[in-house]
Protein backbone atom coordinates (compact mmCIF):
# COMPACT_ATOMS: atom_id res chain seq x y z
CA UNK A 1 -9.21 -5.48 24.53
CA UNK A 2 -8.29 -2.97 21.78
CA UNK A 3 -4.72 -2.05 20.79
CA UNK A 4 -3.17 1.18 19.54
CA UNK A 5 -4.54 0.66 16.03
CA UNK A 6 -8.16 0.11 17.02
CA UNK A 7 -7.79 -3.67 16.77
CA UNK A 8 -9.87 -5.62 19.24
CA UNK A 9 -8.50 -8.90 20.48
CA UNK A 10 -9.97 -11.79 22.35
CA UNK A 11 -8.81 -15.00 24.00
CA UNK A 12 -10.97 -17.03 21.60
CA UNK A 13 -9.01 -15.91 18.52
CA UNK A 14 -5.27 -16.41 19.17
CA UNK A 15 -4.31 -16.09 15.48
CA UNK A 16 -6.00 -12.68 15.31
CA UNK A 17 -4.27 -11.66 18.55
CA UNK A 18 -0.95 -12.74 17.03
CA UNK A 19 -1.63 -10.69 13.86
CA UNK A 20 -2.31 -7.57 15.94
CA UNK A 21 0.84 -8.15 18.01
CA UNK A 22 2.88 -8.38 14.77
CA UNK A 23 1.40 -5.10 13.55
CA UNK A 24 2.41 -3.18 16.67
CA UNK A 25 5.84 -4.82 16.91
CA UNK A 26 6.70 -3.82 13.31
CA UNK A 27 5.32 -0.25 13.33
CA UNK A 28 7.70 2.66 13.89
CA UNK A 29 4.85 5.17 14.02
CA UNK A 30 2.65 3.41 16.59
CA UNK A 31 1.17 5.34 19.50
CA UNK A 32 3.81 6.10 22.10
CA UNK A 33 6.77 5.71 19.72
CA UNK A 34 9.53 8.31 19.88
CA UNK A 35 10.43 10.85 17.14
CA UNK A 36 12.98 9.58 14.62
CA UNK A 37 14.99 10.47 11.52
CA UNK A 38 14.98 7.93 8.68
CA UNK A 39 17.06 7.94 5.49
CA UNK A 40 16.54 5.40 2.72
CA UNK A 41 18.40 4.83 -0.53
CA UNK A 42 16.10 3.54 -3.27
CA UNK A 43 16.36 1.97 -6.71
CA UNK A 44 13.41 2.30 -9.07
CA UNK A 45 12.58 -0.15 -11.87
CA UNK A 46 10.53 0.53 -15.01
CA UNK A 47 7.36 -1.30 -16.08
CA UNK A 48 9.49 -4.05 -17.65
CA UNK A 49 11.41 -4.55 -14.40
CA UNK A 50 14.61 -2.93 -15.70
CA UNK A 51 16.67 -0.74 -13.32
CA UNK A 52 15.89 2.97 -13.50
CA UNK A 53 16.74 5.93 -11.32
CA UNK A 54 18.23 5.86 -7.86
CA UNK A 55 17.68 8.40 -5.11
CA UNK A 56 17.20 9.05 -1.42
CA UNK A 57 14.21 9.63 0.83
CA UNK A 58 14.49 11.29 4.24
CA UNK A 59 11.80 11.62 6.90
CA UNK A 60 11.80 13.40 10.24
CA UNK A 61 8.82 11.94 12.12
CA UNK A 62 6.99 12.76 15.33
CA UNK A 63 3.42 12.13 16.54
CA UNK A 64 2.64 15.76 15.59
CA UNK A 65 3.67 15.35 11.95
CA UNK A 66 6.55 14.65 9.60
CA UNK A 67 8.95 16.41 7.26
CA UNK A 68 9.90 14.61 4.04
CA UNK A 69 12.65 15.19 1.47
CA UNK A 70 12.90 13.12 -1.72
CA UNK A 71 15.89 13.50 -4.06
CA UNK A 72 16.53 11.83 -7.42
CA UNK A 73 18.03 12.91 -10.77
CA UNK A 74 14.68 13.82 -12.35
CA UNK A 75 12.41 14.54 -9.40
CA UNK A 76 12.75 16.22 -6.02
CA UNK A 77 10.14 16.86 -3.35
CA UNK A 78 9.95 18.46 0.08
CA UNK A 79 6.86 18.43 2.29
CA UNK A 80 6.18 19.51 5.87
CA UNK A 81 3.21 19.04 8.22
CA UNK A 82 0.14 20.78 6.89
CA UNK A 83 1.43 21.02 3.31
CA UNK A 84 -0.35 19.30 0.44
CA UNK A 85 0.81 15.79 -0.36
CA UNK A 86 3.22 15.14 -3.17
CA UNK A 87 1.72 14.83 -6.66
CA UNK A 88 0.94 11.26 -7.64
CA UNK A 89 3.18 9.72 -10.26
CA UNK A 90 4.35 6.12 -10.52
CA UNK A 91 7.65 7.22 -9.00
CA UNK A 92 6.11 9.04 -6.05
CA UNK A 93 3.63 6.21 -5.47
CA UNK A 94 6.39 3.58 -5.28
CA UNK A 95 8.56 5.72 -3.00
CA UNK A 96 5.56 6.22 -0.72
CA UNK A 97 4.93 2.45 -0.70
CA UNK A 98 8.58 1.84 0.21
CA UNK A 99 8.49 4.30 3.12
CA UNK A 100 5.18 3.00 4.42
CA UNK A 101 6.51 -0.56 4.30
CA UNK A 102 9.38 0.53 6.54
CA UNK A 103 7.42 2.71 8.97
CA UNK A 104 3.94 1.13 9.15
CA UNK A 105 3.84 -1.89 6.82
CA UNK A 106 0.45 -3.24 7.89
CA UNK A 107 -1.42 0.02 8.41
CA UNK A 108 -4.10 -0.88 5.86
CA UNK A 109 -4.27 -4.56 6.85
CA UNK A 110 -6.67 -4.27 9.76
CA UNK A 111 -8.64 -7.45 10.42
CA UNK A 112 -11.84 -7.24 12.40
CA UNK A 113 -12.87 -9.94 14.89
CA UNK A 114 -15.17 -11.31 12.17
CA UNK A 115 -12.20 -12.08 9.90
CA UNK A 116 -10.68 -15.54 9.86
CA UNK A 117 -6.92 -15.55 10.37
CA UNK A 118 -5.16 -18.78 9.41
CA UNK A 119 -1.66 -19.40 10.78
CA UNK A 120 0.86 -22.00 9.58
CA UNK A 121 4.60 -22.47 9.04
CA UNK A 122 5.88 -22.33 5.45
CA UNK A 123 9.29 -23.17 4.00
CA UNK A 124 11.01 -20.84 1.51
CA UNK A 125 14.19 -22.56 0.36
CA UNK A 126 15.99 -23.29 3.62
CA UNK A 127 14.08 -20.66 5.60
CA UNK A 128 11.00 -21.46 7.68
CA UNK A 129 8.60 -18.57 8.30
CA UNK A 130 5.35 -18.38 10.21
CA UNK A 131 2.65 -17.10 7.85
CA UNK A 132 -0.77 -15.67 8.66
CA UNK A 133 -3.52 -15.13 6.07
CA UNK A 134 -6.50 -12.84 6.57
CA UNK A 135 -9.82 -14.04 5.12
CA UNK A 136 -12.91 -11.80 5.29
CA UNK A 137 -16.25 -13.50 5.95
CA UNK A 138 -17.69 -15.10 2.85
CA UNK A 139 -14.51 -14.88 0.76
CA UNK A 140 -12.40 -17.91 -0.10
CA UNK A 141 -9.34 -15.80 -1.06
CA UNK A 142 -7.01 -14.03 1.34
CA UNK A 143 -6.84 -10.23 1.27
CA UNK A 144 -3.45 -10.19 2.94
CA UNK A 145 -0.76 -12.70 3.87
CA UNK A 146 2.12 -11.91 6.20
CA UNK A 147 5.12 -14.07 7.08
CA UNK A 148 7.34 -13.48 10.11
CA UNK A 149 10.47 -14.84 11.70
CA UNK A 150 9.13 -17.39 14.22
CA UNK A 151 11.76 -16.38 16.78
CA UNK A 152 11.23 -12.59 16.71
CA UNK A 153 7.91 -11.93 14.91
CA UNK A 154 9.85 -9.56 12.65
CA UNK A 155 7.92 -9.13 9.39
CA UNK A 156 9.82 -10.76 6.52
CA UNK A 157 7.21 -10.83 3.77
CA UNK A 158 3.71 -9.54 3.07
CA UNK A 159 1.37 -9.63 0.10
CA UNK A 160 -1.91 -7.91 -0.70
CA UNK A 161 -4.11 -7.57 -3.78
CA UNK A 162 -1.32 -6.06 -5.85
CA UNK A 163 2.11 -6.04 -4.17
CA UNK A 164 4.61 -8.56 -2.84
CA UNK A 165 7.09 -7.15 -0.30
CA UNK A 166 10.19 -9.09 0.79
CA UNK A 167 12.58 -8.01 3.55
CA UNK A 168 16.03 -9.50 3.04
CA UNK A 169 17.64 -8.02 6.14
CA UNK A 170 16.12 -6.98 9.47
CA UNK A 171 17.20 -4.82 12.37
CA UNK A 172 15.72 -3.37 15.54
CA UNK A 173 15.10 0.23 16.61
CA UNK A 174 13.84 0.90 20.15
CA UNK A 175 12.14 -2.53 20.36
CA UNK A 176 10.57 -2.15 16.90
CA UNK A 177 11.43 -4.64 14.15
CA UNK A 178 12.64 -2.69 11.08
CA UNK A 179 13.52 -3.88 7.55
CA UNK A 180 16.98 -2.75 6.47
CA UNK A 181 16.78 -4.09 2.89
CA UNK A 182 13.48 -4.65 1.12
CA UNK A 183 12.02 -5.21 -2.35
CA UNK A 184 8.54 -4.44 -3.70
CA UNK A 185 7.37 -6.58 -6.61
CA UNK A 186 4.26 -6.19 -8.77
CA UNK A 187 3.12 -8.85 -11.27
CA UNK A 188 6.41 -10.72 -10.69
CA UNK A 189 8.50 -7.69 -11.72
CA UNK A 190 10.68 -5.61 -9.41
CA UNK A 191 9.27 -2.10 -8.94
CA UNK A 192 11.46 -0.60 -6.19
CA UNK A 193 14.13 -1.67 -3.72
CA UNK A 194 15.23 0.20 -0.62
CA UNK A 195 18.07 0.19 1.90
CA UNK A 196 17.89 1.94 5.28
CA UNK A 197 21.14 3.88 5.73
CA UNK A 198 20.17 5.89 8.82
CA UNK A 199 17.60 5.56 11.59
CA UNK A 200 18.11 7.68 14.68
CA UNK A 201 16.02 9.08 17.50
CA UNK A 202 15.61 12.88 17.46
CA UNK A 203 14.42 15.52 19.89
CA UNK A 204 10.74 16.39 19.98
CA UNK A 205 11.70 20.02 19.33
CA UNK A 206 13.79 19.24 16.25
CA UNK A 207 13.38 22.13 13.80
CA UNK A 208 11.96 19.81 11.13
CA UNK A 209 9.03 18.63 13.26
CA UNK A 210 8.12 21.58 15.44
CA UNK A 211 4.37 21.58 16.09
CA UNK A 212 2.43 23.80 13.70
CA UNK A 213 0.76 26.94 15.07
CA UNK A 214 -2.76 26.35 16.32
CA UNK A 215 -4.10 28.50 13.48
CA UNK A 216 -2.47 26.39 10.77
CA UNK A 217 -4.92 24.77 8.41
CA UNK A 218 -3.94 21.15 8.93
CA UNK A 219 -6.14 18.27 7.81
CA UNK A 220 -7.88 16.40 10.63
CA UNK A 221 -8.84 12.77 10.50
CA UNK A 222 -12.17 11.91 12.13
CA UNK A 223 -11.80 10.36 15.57
CA UNK A 224 -13.79 7.25 14.72
CA UNK A 225 -12.40 5.23 11.79
CA UNK A 226 -14.26 3.37 9.11
CA UNK A 227 -15.11 3.80 5.47
CA UNK A 228 -18.57 2.86 4.19
CA UNK A 229 -17.94 1.32 0.79
CA UNK A 230 -19.25 2.99 -2.31
CA UNK A 231 -19.95 1.05 -5.46
CA UNK A 232 -19.32 1.37 -9.17
CA UNK A 233 -22.47 2.65 -10.88
CA UNK A 234 -21.30 3.39 -14.40
CA UNK A 235 -18.51 3.45 -16.97
CA UNK A 236 -17.41 1.57 -20.03
CA UNK A 237 -15.38 -1.60 -20.41
CA UNK A 238 -12.21 -1.26 -22.48
CA UNK A 239 -11.85 -2.46 -26.05
CA UNK A 240 -9.52 -5.43 -26.04
CA UNK A 241 -6.25 -4.51 -27.80
CA UNK A 242 -6.07 -6.00 -31.29
CA UNK A 243 -2.52 -7.27 -30.83
CA UNK A 244 -3.49 -9.06 -27.62
CA UNK A 245 -6.67 -10.43 -29.21
CA UNK A 246 -4.75 -11.92 -32.11
CA UNK A 247 -2.29 -13.58 -29.77
CA UNK A 248 -5.06 -14.56 -27.31
CA UNK A 249 -3.01 -12.95 -24.56
CA UNK A 250 -4.43 -12.21 -21.13
CA UNK A 251 -2.86 -10.17 -18.41
CA UNK A 252 -3.24 -7.78 -15.50
CA UNK A 253 -2.77 -4.06 -15.07
CA UNK A 254 -2.32 -2.54 -11.60
CA UNK A 255 -3.65 1.00 -11.42
CA UNK A 256 -3.56 3.55 -8.61
CA UNK A 257 -6.27 6.21 -8.65
CA UNK A 258 -8.46 8.37 -6.44
CA UNK A 259 -12.23 8.03 -6.14
CA UNK A 260 -13.36 11.58 -5.48
CA UNK A 261 -16.10 12.83 -3.18
CA UNK A 262 -18.21 13.23 -6.30
CA UNK A 263 -17.71 9.58 -7.27
CA UNK A 264 -15.31 10.19 -10.17
CA UNK A 265 -12.17 8.11 -10.64
CA UNK A 266 -9.34 10.61 -11.06
CA UNK A 267 -5.59 10.63 -11.75
CA UNK A 268 -5.19 6.94 -12.69
CA UNK A 269 -1.56 5.77 -12.85
CA UNK A 270 -0.24 2.46 -14.17
CA UNK A 271 1.92 0.93 -11.44
CA UNK A 272 2.57 -2.42 -13.10
CA UNK A 273 1.47 -4.19 -16.25
CA UNK A 274 1.71 -7.61 -17.85
CA UNK A 275 2.01 -5.90 -21.24
CA UNK A 276 2.05 -2.27 -22.32
CA UNK A 277 -0.56 -3.26 -24.91
CA UNK A 278 -3.13 -3.28 -22.09
CA UNK A 279 -2.29 0.09 -20.52
CA UNK A 280 -4.12 2.55 -22.78
CA UNK A 281 -7.26 0.41 -22.93
CA UNK A 282 -7.41 0.06 -19.14
CA UNK A 283 -6.75 3.76 -18.50
CA UNK A 284 -9.30 4.88 -21.08
CA UNK A 285 -11.92 2.70 -19.46
CA UNK A 286 -11.34 3.55 -15.80
CA UNK A 287 -11.43 7.28 -16.55
CA UNK A 288 -15.11 6.85 -17.43
CA UNK A 289 -16.04 4.99 -14.27
CA UNK A 290 -18.54 6.51 -11.85
CA UNK A 291 -18.98 5.54 -8.22
CA UNK A 292 -21.47 6.08 -5.49
CA UNK A 293 -19.18 8.08 -3.18
CA UNK A 294 -17.44 6.40 -0.28
CA UNK A 295 -18.47 7.68 3.14
CA UNK A 296 -16.26 8.36 6.15
CA UNK A 297 -18.37 8.88 9.27
CA UNK A 298 -21.35 9.64 7.05
CA UNK A 299 -19.59 12.21 4.86
CA UNK A 300 -18.36 11.72 1.25
CA UNK A 301 -14.60 11.35 1.17
CA UNK A 302 -11.80 10.99 -1.35
CA UNK A 303 -10.49 7.42 -1.31
CA UNK A 304 -7.22 6.13 -2.72
CA UNK A 305 -7.47 2.80 -4.47
CA UNK A 306 -4.90 0.50 -6.01
CA UNK A 307 -6.48 -2.31 -7.94
CA UNK A 308 -5.39 -5.21 -10.08
CA UNK A 309 -7.43 -5.43 -13.27
CA UNK A 310 -7.31 -8.59 -15.34
CA UNK A 311 -8.09 -8.28 -19.03
CA UNK A 312 -9.04 -11.30 -21.09
CA UNK A 313 -11.20 -12.02 -24.12
CA UNK A 314 -14.70 -13.29 -23.40
CA UNK A 315 -15.93 -16.47 -25.05
CA UNK A 316 -19.04 -16.24 -27.22
CA UNK A 317 -18.84 -12.44 -27.42
CA UNK A 318 -17.55 -9.97 -30.03
CA UNK A 319 -13.81 -10.18 -30.58
CA UNK A 320 -13.13 -6.84 -28.95
CA UNK A 321 -15.00 -7.62 -25.73
CA UNK A 322 -13.06 -7.96 -22.52
CA UNK A 323 -13.60 -9.06 -19.00
CA UNK A 324 -12.35 -6.42 -16.58
CA UNK A 325 -12.04 -7.92 -13.13
CA UNK A 326 -10.57 -6.20 -10.15
CA UNK A 327 -9.76 -6.60 -6.52
CA UNK A 328 -7.90 -4.03 -4.54
CA UNK A 329 -7.38 -1.99 -1.42
CA UNK A 330 -9.06 1.26 -0.40
CA UNK A 331 -8.08 3.82 2.18
CA UNK A 332 -9.17 7.36 3.00
CA UNK A 333 -6.81 10.06 1.78
């Protein structure tokens, strides 16, 4: 049996069935859900985890599309169905993460029947949560871990290759579990917090979400999902920063970028860093990387990636050598 997200379940894998149930229960934008208006107040933090700007994000959503308004002291954005997506900056990336974690928090965490899902209760202080970890075949590490309230299956925490999301307060909207207060952390530093201040149902003919004319040039996603992975085929490793080499410091840099249809890594943005000393070296290196293009239904496609790169000196090699390791998440744009 396959659910609204293309997940296939089976009686022989109850943990996988439970994962898929959690996804649908915590998704505002699932098939069959009603149009809604969402307003969120957010607080951004800089790369050192210090409080930065505050602002608001508003979304009018329907199955036909959405209308989005972002407002902050230094940056404002409005987008409607069919319009190009907002330019990628660290600020826009984090706001997008925050909104996705409210509306469809596990959209990119789609286990196949071949994945092993491990389920167990864990204690966090005085709170007991039921946690599920997703392990692909042949990998000892988990790609994603989610933890839910055992009584409601409301999502309280989830982690992936780069982010740690905690929901401090939960509510319910039309039988969907919704976080009311949440925090996104990268490399143990706060990046953004959000508070839902409005969530209401709206009419399908609301002026913000009226269907576009049939002639409008709106992007279409292929009917059958699935990305055939490309692979890195070229590019330099970064020179290890002298200050970090002297101190024998290691650390990670989380970078968001796009792998283009031509296999070039474009528009890299530092989302989080262990030390600013690593940023320039990592960015300079990834800008040279070449990929065999990723394929969506047999056609080259742009793919968003957010990866965690660990830089550390290599033993028995020149002093400026580094090991650049990564693991991350990919999704079609």
